[in-house]
Amino acid sequence: MAAKTIMIQGTMSNAGKSVLTAGLCRIFRQDGYTVAPFKSQNMALNSFITREGLEMGRAQVMQAEAAGIEPTVDMNPILLKPTSDMGSQVIVQGEVQGCQSARAYFAQKRALVPRIMDSFNRLSSQYDIIVIEGAGSPAEINLKADDIVNMGMARLAQAPVLLAGDIDRGGVFASLYGTVALLEPEERAMVKGTIINKFRGDVEILRPGLTMLEELTQIPVLGVVPWLEVDLDDEDSLSQRFSARREGAVLDVAVIHLPRISNFTDFHALERHPAMGVRYVDRPHQLGSPHLVILPGTKNTMADLAWLRQSGLETAILKLAAGGVPVVGICGGYQMLGRTLSDPEGVEGGGRMAGMGLLPVDTRFRSGKTRTRYCGPVPTLEGLFAPLSGCPAEGYEIHMGDSGEQALFTACGPVVGTYLHGVFDRPEVQQRLTQLLLGRWGLEWAGEQPAEDPMAYKNRQYDLLARHLRRSLDLERIYQILDHGLSDREK
């Protein structure tokens, strides 16, 4: 029997679609259903490697966790990873298909519908409910003709649609009404409810507007969701994490905000640590005198290293490292810290350039991508980071550069590089790193080290999200929409 479906679309990017999808996945799971998330096409630099060694977007990983199931690439059959303003690496069902310009991709994306439906139908045969997430806005009229992710996907999946608007960014009534108005009549009929998201204040003040919106659109408002202080893995480049910092933390951790930063979920565990004041910097004057500098992953190592050089940040980081400030590089950041980077196959545009020279590694880019999971001890390290040796670590590799056979970790003096995404997630790594940094700087901290398993923490956040949505949404009507689906006339 095919799964029941419901779809969350938004009036714009970052309207909260991913979080609402995750929340409904959690609610349906709590109510006894098997449920899976689905997003036909995702564009993000934050990706994940499944147990099968396949690549998918992190939003669907987060939603799968909320649903209590193992993530699979069927939940995100197409992933686009921007390599420039005009092109992206195209990943289909977890495998790299190559890089394409936006024009070339849009010209052939309809040909991917069979692959999308192959994934969707496989999920539909395995689960009771599929919660589908759209992308951007369904009212992007220049893209509607060949849409495979919003109303086009809703039609393929025969899914009723809930349309969410972000009131925190202003103009929510206009954006909801305008989106509905720009839809074709048959598309409009598929929208079964609207949701006001990220509200701060007294809901009663909104009542007149909600009534008017329902009269104008002839679509019920199914809830007003408050601004939620829930800690979930996000993947959007608009992430507010980049401007946030915990005040009063004893350790100052500066993460370099590269133009093509990827997998910044690597630092969420450090952001939660009470001793760590994690901040993101993209100018030399912002760097200051941190206790730790981190170079994160990037979708284009050579281009971002050139930016680092031109911005003056490379010089500032080299000066700090020469003074004994610890530096960590992850994936692309690790490659930057080496001696040389060469690209004979043109993976990143070709050429050869000098690295920062802080680690004894040479990176050669190649067309094949390393995609693997790791669970085991940190290998023996030399220098300042030696106390991490043997510490249990878990994560995944995802990179197109080869830095040597034994290059999962490399350390030299106060500098260490690793290809392991998620290296900071384990409490044991956080504990040893904290003690290492406190000792390095002669600092004291009397707080308690985190000891909670990362998944236990995430499950508490998913349950918190579900409680908020149960209070905010008309779940009785949402279940009715789910049960009734689309009429024969609307399909």
Protein backbone atom coordinates (compact mmCIF):
# COMPACT_ATOMS: atom_id res chain seq x y z
CA MET A 1 0.00 0.00 0.00
CA ALA A 2 1.35 3.43 -0.95
CA ALA A 3 2.20 5.88 1.80
CA LYS A 4 0.04 8.89 2.61
CA THR A 5 1.75 12.14 1.71
CA ILE A 6 1.80 15.75 2.81
CA MET A 7 4.09 18.52 1.59
CA ILE A 8 5.56 21.61 3.26
CA GLN A 9 6.27 24.48 0.90
CA GLY A 10 7.37 28.00 1.75
CA THR A 11 6.95 31.52 0.44
CA MET A 12 10.76 31.93 0.31
CA SER A 13 14.01 30.25 1.25
CA ASN A 14 14.62 29.92 4.99
CA ALA A 15 10.92 30.15 5.81
CA GLY A 16 11.31 27.17 8.13
CA LYS A 17 10.31 24.33 5.81
CA SER A 18 13.04 21.96 7.01
CA VAL A 19 12.15 22.45 10.68
CA LEU A 20 8.40 22.09 10.11
CA THR A 21 9.03 18.92 8.10
CA ALA A 22 11.19 17.53 10.90
CA GLY A 23 8.56 18.42 13.48
CA LEU A 24 5.79 16.65 11.59
CA CYS A 25 8.04 13.61 11.12
CA ARG A 26 8.54 13.50 14.88
CA ILE A 27 4.84 13.95 15.65
CA PHE A 28 3.73 11.22 13.23
CA ARG A 29 6.38 8.88 14.69
CA GLN A 30 5.20 9.63 18.23
CA ASP A 31 1.66 8.88 17.11
CA GLY A 32 2.66 5.39 16.01
CA TYR A 33 3.27 5.77 12.28
CA THR A 34 6.34 4.90 10.27
CA VAL A 35 7.36 8.09 8.50
CA ALA A 36 10.10 9.26 6.15
CA PRO A 37 11.15 12.71 4.88
CA PHE A 38 11.65 13.47 1.19
CA LYS A 39 13.07 16.35 -0.82
CA SER A 40 13.46 15.73 -4.52
CA GLN A 41 16.13 18.38 -5.06
CA ASN A 42 18.24 20.08 -2.43
CA MET A 43 20.89 22.77 -2.91
CA ALA A 44 23.36 22.87 -0.03
CA LEU A 45 27.03 22.64 0.80
CA ASN A 46 26.32 20.77 4.03
CA SER A 47 26.14 17.12 3.08
CA PHE A 48 26.35 13.72 4.77
CA ILE A 49 27.61 10.24 3.94
CA THR A 50 25.23 7.31 4.49
CA ARG A 51 26.28 3.89 5.71
CA GLU A 52 26.40 2.82 2.05
CA GLY A 53 28.93 5.56 1.28
CA LEU A 54 26.45 7.73 -0.63
CA GLU A 55 26.01 11.50 -0.35
CA MET A 56 22.86 13.40 0.63
CA GLY A 57 21.76 16.73 2.09
CA ARG A 58 21.93 17.21 5.86
CA ALA A 59 18.38 18.56 6.20
CA GLN A 60 16.95 15.17 5.25
CA VAL A 61 19.41 13.50 7.66
CA MET A 62 18.06 15.71 10.44
CA GLN A 63 14.48 14.89 9.42
CA ALA A 64 15.25 11.16 9.28
CA GLU A 65 16.64 11.38 12.81
CA ALA A 66 13.42 13.08 13.89
CA ALA A 67 11.50 10.22 12.28
CA GLY A 68 13.67 7.69 14.10
CA ILE A 69 15.02 6.03 10.95
CA GLU A 70 18.34 5.59 9.17
CA PRO A 71 19.00 8.26 6.49
CA THR A 72 19.12 7.03 2.89
CA VAL A 73 19.72 8.85 -0.37
CA ASP A 74 16.16 8.05 -1.46
CA MET A 75 15.13 10.85 0.90
CA ASN A 76 17.14 13.34 -1.21
CA PRO A 77 17.67 11.91 -4.71
CA ILE A 78 19.16 15.11 -6.18
CA LEU A 79 21.72 17.23 -4.34
CA LEU A 80 23.25 20.33 -5.92
CA LYS A 81 26.47 21.63 -4.37
CA PRO A 82 27.32 25.09 -5.74
CA THR A 83 30.87 25.39 -7.01
CA SER A 84 30.45 28.95 -8.30
CA ASP A 85 27.75 31.58 -8.80
CA MET A 86 26.81 29.92 -12.09
CA GLY A 87 27.28 26.19 -11.56
CA SER A 88 27.02 23.23 -9.21
CA GLN A 89 28.20 19.71 -8.68
CA VAL A 90 25.23 17.47 -9.45
CA ILE A 91 24.73 14.40 -7.23
CA VAL A 92 22.00 11.93 -8.16
CA GLN A 93 20.98 9.18 -5.74
CA GLY A 94 24.21 9.72 -3.85
CA GLU A 95 26.64 9.57 -6.80
CA VAL A 96 28.46 12.51 -8.40
CA GLN A 97 27.34 13.09 -11.99
CA GLY A 98 29.77 15.95 -12.61
CA CYS A 99 29.58 19.75 -12.57
CA GLN A 100 27.08 21.67 -14.67
CA SER A 101 26.21 25.28 -15.30
CA ALA A 102 22.80 26.40 -14.07
CA ARG A 103 21.63 26.69 -17.69
CA ALA A 104 22.77 23.16 -18.58
CA TYR A 105 21.17 21.66 -15.48
CA PHE A 106 17.82 23.36 -16.00
CA ALA A 107 17.78 22.20 -19.60
CA GLN A 108 17.91 18.54 -18.61
CA LYS A 109 16.48 18.31 -15.10
CA ARG A 110 13.13 16.92 -16.29
CA ALA A 111 15.08 13.87 -17.43
CA LEU A 112 15.78 13.20 -13.75
CA VAL A 113 12.10 12.70 -12.89
CA PRO A 114 12.31 8.89 -13.29
CA ARG A 115 15.19 8.79 -10.79
CA ILE A 116 13.22 11.01 -8.41
CA MET A 117 10.15 8.81 -8.63
CA ASP A 118 12.25 5.68 -8.27
CA SER A 119 13.41 6.97 -4.89
CA PHE A 120 9.98 8.28 -3.90
CA ASN A 121 8.19 5.05 -4.78
CA ARG A 122 10.72 3.00 -2.85
CA LEU A 123 10.02 5.07 0.27
CA SER A 124 6.28 4.98 -0.39
CA SER A 125 6.32 1.17 -0.30
CA GLN A 126 8.18 1.12 3.03
CA TYR A 127 6.49 3.78 5.18
CA ASP A 128 3.01 4.84 6.31
CA ILE A 129 3.60 8.57 5.72
CA ILE A 130 6.00 10.64 3.65
CA VAL A 131 6.51 14.30 4.59
CA ILE A 132 7.83 16.15 1.54
CA GLU A 133 9.78 19.40 1.69
CA GLY A 134 9.77 21.93 -1.14
CA ALA A 135 12.55 24.37 -2.03
CA GLY A 136 12.53 28.14 -2.27
CA SER A 137 9.07 29.24 -3.35
CA PRO A 138 6.44 27.64 -5.64
CA ALA A 139 5.76 31.14 -7.03
CA GLU A 140 9.12 31.50 -8.79
CA ILE A 141 7.36 31.96 -12.10
CA ASN A 142 10.55 31.75 -14.16
CA LEU A 143 11.14 28.19 -12.91
CA LYS A 144 7.61 26.78 -12.83
CA ALA A 145 7.58 25.26 -16.31
CA ASP A 146 9.95 22.42 -15.42
CA ASP A 147 9.47 22.36 -11.67
CA ILE A 148 10.46 19.11 -9.96
CA VAL A 149 10.65 20.26 -6.35
CA ASN A 150 7.55 22.32 -5.48
CA MET A 151 4.14 22.03 -7.18
CA GLY A 152 5.62 19.75 -9.82
CA MET A 153 6.68 17.34 -7.09
CA ALA A 154 3.36 17.71 -5.25
CA ARG A 155 1.59 16.68 -8.44
CA LEU A 156 3.90 13.70 -9.00
CA ALA A 157 3.43 12.54 -5.39
CA GLN A 158 -0.27 13.50 -5.28
CA ALA A 159 0.50 15.38 -2.08
CA PRO A 160 -1.67 18.07 -0.46
CA VAL A 161 0.39 21.17 0.35
CA LEU A 162 0.81 23.30 3.49
CA LEU A 163 2.31 26.72 2.70
CA ALA A 164 4.53 28.35 5.36
CA GLY A 165 5.47 32.02 5.63
CA ASP A 166 8.18 33.60 7.81
CA ILE A 167 6.69 36.47 9.82
CA ASP A 168 10.03 37.33 11.45
CA ARG A 169 11.36 38.67 8.14
CA GLY A 170 8.26 40.84 7.61
CA GLY A 171 5.47 40.96 5.05
CA VAL A 172 4.11 37.51 5.83
CA PHE A 173 0.52 38.25 4.78
CA ALA A 174 1.65 39.72 1.49
CA SER A 175 4.03 36.83 0.84
CA LEU A 176 1.39 34.17 1.58
CA TYR A 177 -1.32 35.92 -0.42
CA GLY A 178 1.05 36.77 -3.25
CA THR A 179 2.34 33.21 -3.47
CA VAL A 180 -1.17 31.80 -3.66
CA ALA A 181 -2.18 34.43 -6.23
CA LEU A 182 0.73 33.50 -8.51
CA LEU A 183 -0.17 29.82 -8.55
CA GLU A 184 -2.21 28.31 -11.36
CA PRO A 185 -5.81 27.44 -10.36
CA GLU A 186 -5.04 23.72 -10.27
CA GLU A 187 -1.98 24.40 -8.11
CA ARG A 188 -3.96 26.66 -5.79
CA ALA A 189 -6.45 23.84 -5.23
CA MET A 190 -3.61 21.67 -3.89
CA VAL A 191 -2.81 24.12 -1.07
CA LYS A 192 -4.87 22.92 1.88
CA GLY A 193 -3.57 25.21 4.59
CA THR A 194 -1.17 28.00 5.47
CA ILE A 195 1.17 28.34 8.46
CA ILE A 196 2.58 31.52 9.99
CA ASN A 197 6.10 30.67 11.17
CA LYS A 198 8.64 32.27 13.55
CA PHE A 199 6.19 34.57 15.38
CA ARG A 200 7.24 36.62 18.41
CA GLY A 201 4.48 38.18 20.46
CA ASP A 202 0.79 37.87 21.26
CA VAL A 203 -1.09 35.72 18.74
CA GLU A 204 -4.34 37.60 19.44
CA ILE A 205 -2.87 40.65 17.73
CA LEU A 206 -2.69 38.60 14.53
CA ARG A 207 -6.32 37.45 14.57
CA PRO A 208 -7.74 40.14 12.24
CA GLY A 209 -4.97 39.46 9.73
CA LEU A 210 -5.49 35.72 9.89
CA THR A 211 -9.21 36.14 9.23
CA MET A 212 -8.56 38.45 6.27
CA LEU A 213 -5.94 36.08 4.84
CA GLU A 214 -8.40 33.19 4.97
CA GLU A 215 -11.06 35.30 3.25
CA LEU A 216 -8.68 36.42 0.51
CA THR A 217 -7.17 33.00 -0.20
CA GLN A 218 -10.08 30.74 0.76
CA ILE A 219 -7.46 28.59 2.48
CA PRO A 220 -7.50 27.98 6.25
CA VAL A 221 -4.66 29.11 8.50
CA LEU A 222 -3.59 25.97 10.35
CA GLY A 223 -1.45 27.58 12.99
CA VAL A 224 0.94 30.25 14.18
CA VAL A 225 4.28 28.74 15.17
CA PRO A 226 6.32 30.82 17.61
CA TRP A 227 9.99 31.61 17.27
CA LEU A 228 11.54 28.40 18.57
CA GLU A 229 14.73 28.07 20.60
CA VAL A 230 15.38 24.55 19.38
CA ASP A 231 18.89 23.42 18.52
CA LEU A 232 18.75 21.50 15.24
CA ASP A 233 21.36 20.87 12.56
CA ASP A 234 20.74 23.45 9.86
CA GLU A 235 22.26 23.66 6.40
CA ASP A 236 21.16 27.00 5.05
CA SER A 237 23.78 29.64 4.24
CA LEU A 238 21.51 32.15 6.03
CA SER A 239 22.23 30.34 9.30
CA GLN A 240 22.11 32.70 12.27
CA ARG A 241 24.93 30.71 13.83
CA PHE A 242 27.38 32.79 11.81
CA SER A 243 26.50 35.92 13.79
CA ALA A 244 25.97 34.29 17.21
CA ARG A 245 28.46 33.79 20.03
CA ARG A 246 28.19 32.59 23.62
CA GLU A 247 29.25 35.44 25.88
CA GLY A 248 31.38 34.77 28.94
CA ALA A 249 32.93 31.50 27.72
CA VAL A 250 36.48 30.98 28.96
CA LEU A 251 37.82 29.82 25.58
CA ASP A 252 37.64 31.96 22.43
CA VAL A 253 37.29 29.79 19.30
CA ALA A 254 37.48 31.54 15.92
CA VAL A 255 36.08 29.64 12.93
CA ILE A 256 37.03 31.15 9.58
CA HIS A 257 33.86 31.87 7.60
CA LEU A 258 35.07 30.91 4.15
CA PRO A 259 33.00 32.08 1.14
CA ARG A 260 32.18 28.46 0.21
CA ILE A 261 32.08 27.05 3.74
CA SER A 262 30.62 23.56 3.89
CA ASN A 263 29.58 21.18 6.65
CA PHE A 264 29.53 23.86 9.34
CA THR A 265 27.48 21.40 11.37
CA ASP A 266 30.95 20.17 12.37
CA PHE A 267 30.99 22.94 14.98
CA HIS A 268 27.54 22.63 16.52
CA ALA A 269 28.85 20.45 19.36
CA LEU A 270 31.52 23.03 20.20
CA GLU A 271 28.91 25.80 20.09
CA ARG A 272 26.96 23.95 22.80
CA HIS A 273 30.01 23.42 25.02
CA PRO A 274 29.79 25.83 27.98
CA ALA A 275 33.54 26.56 27.92
CA MET A 276 33.70 27.34 24.19
CA GLY A 277 32.86 30.76 22.78
CA VAL A 278 32.60 29.87 19.09
CA ARG A 279 32.45 32.77 16.65
CA TYR A 280 32.74 33.04 12.85
CA VAL A 281 35.10 35.59 11.32
CA ASP A 282 35.73 36.71 7.75
CA ARG A 283 38.00 39.75 8.26
CA PRO A 284 41.52 39.97 9.77
CA HIS A 285 40.49 42.61 12.31
CA GLN A 286 37.79 40.25 13.65
CA LEU A 287 40.29 37.51 14.41
CA GLY A 288 41.80 39.14 17.50
CA SER A 289 43.66 36.81 19.88
CA PRO A 290 41.68 33.54 19.95
CA HIS A 291 42.65 30.46 21.91
CA LEU A 292 41.89 28.25 18.89
CA VAL A 293 41.52 28.89 15.16
CA ILE A 294 39.56 26.48 12.96
CA LEU A 295 39.66 26.33 9.16
CA PRO A 296 36.47 24.53 8.08
CA GLY A 297 35.55 22.55 5.01
CA THR A 298 34.87 24.23 1.69
CA LYS A 299 33.43 23.27 -1.68
CA ASN A 300 36.39 24.87 -3.47
CA THR A 301 39.63 24.68 -1.51
CA MET A 302 41.86 26.52 -3.98
CA ALA A 303 39.45 29.40 -4.56
CA ASP A 304 38.88 29.85 -0.83
CA LEU A 305 42.61 29.67 -0.12
CA ALA A 306 43.09 32.46 -2.67
CA TRP A 307 40.39 34.46 -0.85
CA LEU A 308 42.09 33.76 2.49
CA ARG A 309 45.30 35.10 1.02
CA GLN A 310 43.76 38.19 -0.57
CA SER A 311 41.76 39.08 2.54
CA GLY A 312 44.82 39.09 4.77
CA LEU A 313 43.48 36.28 6.95
CA GLU A 314 46.20 33.85 5.88
CA THR A 315 48.91 36.21 7.13
CA ALA A 316 47.04 36.71 10.41
CA ILE A 317 46.59 32.95 10.93
CA LEU A 318 50.25 32.23 10.13
CA LYS A 319 51.29 34.85 12.68
CA LEU A 320 49.05 33.29 15.33
CA ALA A 321 50.35 29.78 14.59
CA ALA A 322 53.95 31.03 14.82
CA GLY A 323 53.07 32.35 18.27
CA GLY A 324 51.80 28.94 19.37
CA VAL A 325 48.06 29.47 18.87
CA PRO A 326 46.46 26.07 18.11
CA VAL A 327 45.04 25.71 14.59
CA VAL A 328 42.69 22.95 13.37
CA GLY A 329 41.86 22.33 9.72
CA ILE A 330 38.98 20.12 8.64
CA CYS A 331 38.73 18.70 5.10
CA GLY A 332 39.31 21.66 2.78
CA GLY A 333 40.77 23.61 5.70
CA TYR A 334 43.17 20.71 6.27
CA GLN A 335 44.23 20.81 2.62
CA MET A 336 44.93 24.55 2.88
CA LEU A 337 47.29 23.95 5.82
CA GLY A 338 49.53 21.69 3.72
CA ARG A 339 52.52 22.46 1.51
CA THR A 340 51.00 22.30 -1.97
CA LEU A 341 47.70 21.84 -3.78
CA SER A 342 47.63 20.59 -7.37
CA ASP A 343 44.69 20.07 -9.69
CA PRO A 344 45.87 18.38 -12.90
CA GLU A 345 42.38 17.12 -13.79
CA GLY A 346 40.71 20.53 -13.44
CA VAL A 347 38.45 19.43 -10.58
CA GLU A 348 38.66 22.90 -9.01
CA GLY A 349 39.58 24.79 -12.14
CA GLY A 350 43.12 23.43 -12.61
CA GLY A 351 46.55 24.65 -11.69
CA ARG A 352 48.86 24.40 -8.72
CA MET A 353 49.34 26.63 -5.71
CA ALA A 354 51.31 26.75 -2.51
CA GLY A 355 49.49 25.90 0.70
CA MET A 356 50.00 27.61 4.04
CA GLY A 357 52.92 25.30 4.84
CA LEU A 358 51.85 24.42 8.39
CA LEU A 359 51.45 20.67 7.81
CA PRO A 360 53.71 18.22 5.90
CA VAL A 361 51.08 17.12 3.37
CA ASP A 362 50.62 17.65 -0.36
CA THR A 363 47.13 17.46 -1.83
CA ARG A 364 46.33 16.34 -5.36
CA PHE A 365 42.75 16.81 -6.53
CA ARG A 366 41.13 14.09 -8.62
CA SER A 367 37.71 13.49 -10.13
CA GLY A 368 36.88 10.57 -7.81
CA LYS A 369 35.31 11.51 -4.47
CA THR A 370 36.20 9.84 -1.17
CA ARG A 371 32.97 8.97 0.68
CA THR A 372 33.29 6.83 3.77
CA ARG A 373 32.27 6.58 7.43
CA TYR A 374 34.77 6.18 10.26
CA CYS A 375 34.43 4.93 13.81
CA GLY A 376 37.60 4.30 15.77
CA PRO A 377 40.40 5.92 17.73
CA VAL A 378 42.22 9.09 16.81
CA PRO A 379 45.62 7.89 15.55
CA THR A 380 48.81 8.78 17.39
CA LEU A 381 49.47 12.51 17.01
CA GLU A 382 52.58 14.55 17.64
CA GLY A 383 52.91 18.03 19.08
CA LEU A 384 50.32 20.03 20.98
CA PHE A 385 47.44 17.77 19.97
CA ALA A 386 49.10 14.55 21.21
CA PRO A 387 46.54 14.26 24.09
CA LEU A 388 43.86 13.49 21.47
CA SER A 389 45.70 10.29 20.48
CA GLY A 390 43.56 7.20 21.02
CA CYS A 391 40.41 9.18 21.76
CA PRO A 392 37.28 7.51 20.32
CA ALA A 393 36.04 9.44 17.30
CA GLU A 394 33.25 9.02 14.77
CA GLY A 395 32.33 10.81 11.57
CA TYR A 396 32.66 10.67 7.82
CA GLU A 397 35.01 11.67 5.00
CA ILE A 398 33.79 13.49 1.90
CA HIS A 399 36.45 15.08 -0.30
CA MET A 400 37.95 15.06 -3.78
CA GLY A 401 41.58 15.63 -2.77
CA ASP A 402 44.13 12.96 -1.91
CA SER A 403 46.65 13.95 0.77
CA GLY A 404 48.34 10.58 1.25
CA GLU A 405 47.38 7.08 2.39
CA GLN A 406 47.60 7.82 6.12
CA ALA A 407 46.16 11.32 5.99
CA LEU A 408 42.98 10.98 8.10
CA PHE A 409 44.82 13.05 10.74
CA THR A 410 48.13 14.93 10.53
CA ALA A 411 49.65 17.00 13.33
CA CYS A 412 52.72 19.20 13.56
CA GLY A 413 53.45 21.50 16.50
CA PRO A 414 50.32 23.51 17.37
CA VAL A 415 48.56 22.54 14.12
CA VAL A 416 46.39 19.52 13.28
CA GLY A 417 44.40 18.64 10.19
CA THR A 418 41.76 15.97 9.64
CA TYR A 419 39.42 14.75 6.93
CA LEU A 420 36.92 13.59 9.55
CA HIS A 421 33.69 15.59 9.57
CA GLY A 422 31.91 15.37 12.91
CA VAL A 423 35.19 14.92 14.78
CA PHE A 424 34.04 17.19 17.63
CA ASP A 425 30.72 15.43 18.19
CA ARG A 426 31.91 12.80 20.67
CA PRO A 427 31.98 14.02 24.31
CA GLU A 428 35.39 12.39 24.80
CA VAL A 429 36.94 14.53 22.04
CA GLN A 430 35.35 17.66 23.47
CA GLN A 431 36.66 16.86 26.96
CA ARG A 432 40.23 16.27 25.83
CA LEU A 433 40.24 19.31 23.55
CA THR A 434 38.95 21.52 26.35
CA GLN A 435 41.58 20.32 28.79
CA LEU A 436 44.27 20.69 26.13
CA LEU A 437 43.31 24.31 25.45
CA LEU A 438 42.90 25.21 29.12
CA GLY A 439 46.33 23.80 29.83
CA ARG A 440 47.89 25.51 26.84
CA TRP A 441 46.70 28.92 28.01
CA GLY A 442 46.94 28.39 31.77
CA LEU A 443 43.20 28.90 32.22
CA GLU A 444 40.83 27.42 34.75
CA TRP A 445 37.23 26.38 34.25
CA ALA A 446 35.05 24.86 36.95
CA GLY A 447 32.11 23.86 34.78
CA GLU A 448 31.00 20.33 33.94
CA GLN A 449 32.14 18.71 30.73
CA PRO A 450 29.31 17.53 28.45
CA ALA A 451 28.81 13.79 28.79
CA GLU A 452 25.56 13.30 26.89
CA ASP A 453 25.57 11.17 23.79
CA PRO A 454 25.03 13.45 20.73
CA MET A 455 21.99 11.47 19.56
CA ALA A 456 20.37 11.66 22.98
CA TYR A 457 20.75 15.44 22.87
CA LYS A 458 19.24 15.58 19.38
CA ASN A 459 16.29 13.43 20.43
CA ARG A 460 15.52 15.85 23.25
CA GLN A 461 15.48 18.67 20.69
CA TYR A 462 13.17 16.76 18.33
CA ASP A 463 10.78 16.05 21.20
CA LEU A 464 10.86 19.73 22.17
CA LEU A 465 10.09 20.71 18.59
CA ALA A 466 7.17 18.29 18.48
CA ARG A 467 5.73 19.70 21.73
CA HIS A 468 5.86 23.23 20.33
CA LEU A 469 4.15 22.21 17.08
CA ARG A 470 1.45 20.25 18.88
CA ARG A 471 0.56 23.43 20.76
CA SER A 472 0.74 25.65 17.67
CA LEU A 473 -0.76 23.67 14.80
CA ASP A 474 -4.26 22.34 14.18
CA LEU A 475 -3.16 18.72 14.04
CA GLU A 476 -6.70 17.42 13.77
CA ARG A 477 -7.12 19.25 10.47
CA ILE A 478 -3.64 18.27 9.33
CA TYR A 479 -4.51 14.60 9.90
CA GLN A 480 -7.75 15.14 7.95
CA ILE A 481 -5.76 16.64 5.08
CA LEU A 482 -3.34 13.73 5.24
CA ASP A 483 -6.16 11.16 5.24
CA HIS A 484 -8.17 12.78 2.43
CA GLY A 485 -5.21 13.55 0.20
CA LEU A 486 -6.11 15.13 -3.14
CA SER A 487 -9.40 14.59 -4.88
CA ASP A 488 -9.42 13.01 -8.35
CA ARG A 489 -10.04 16.45 -9.81
CA GLU A 490 -6.98 17.90 -8.03
CA LYS A 491 -4.54 15.13 -8.96
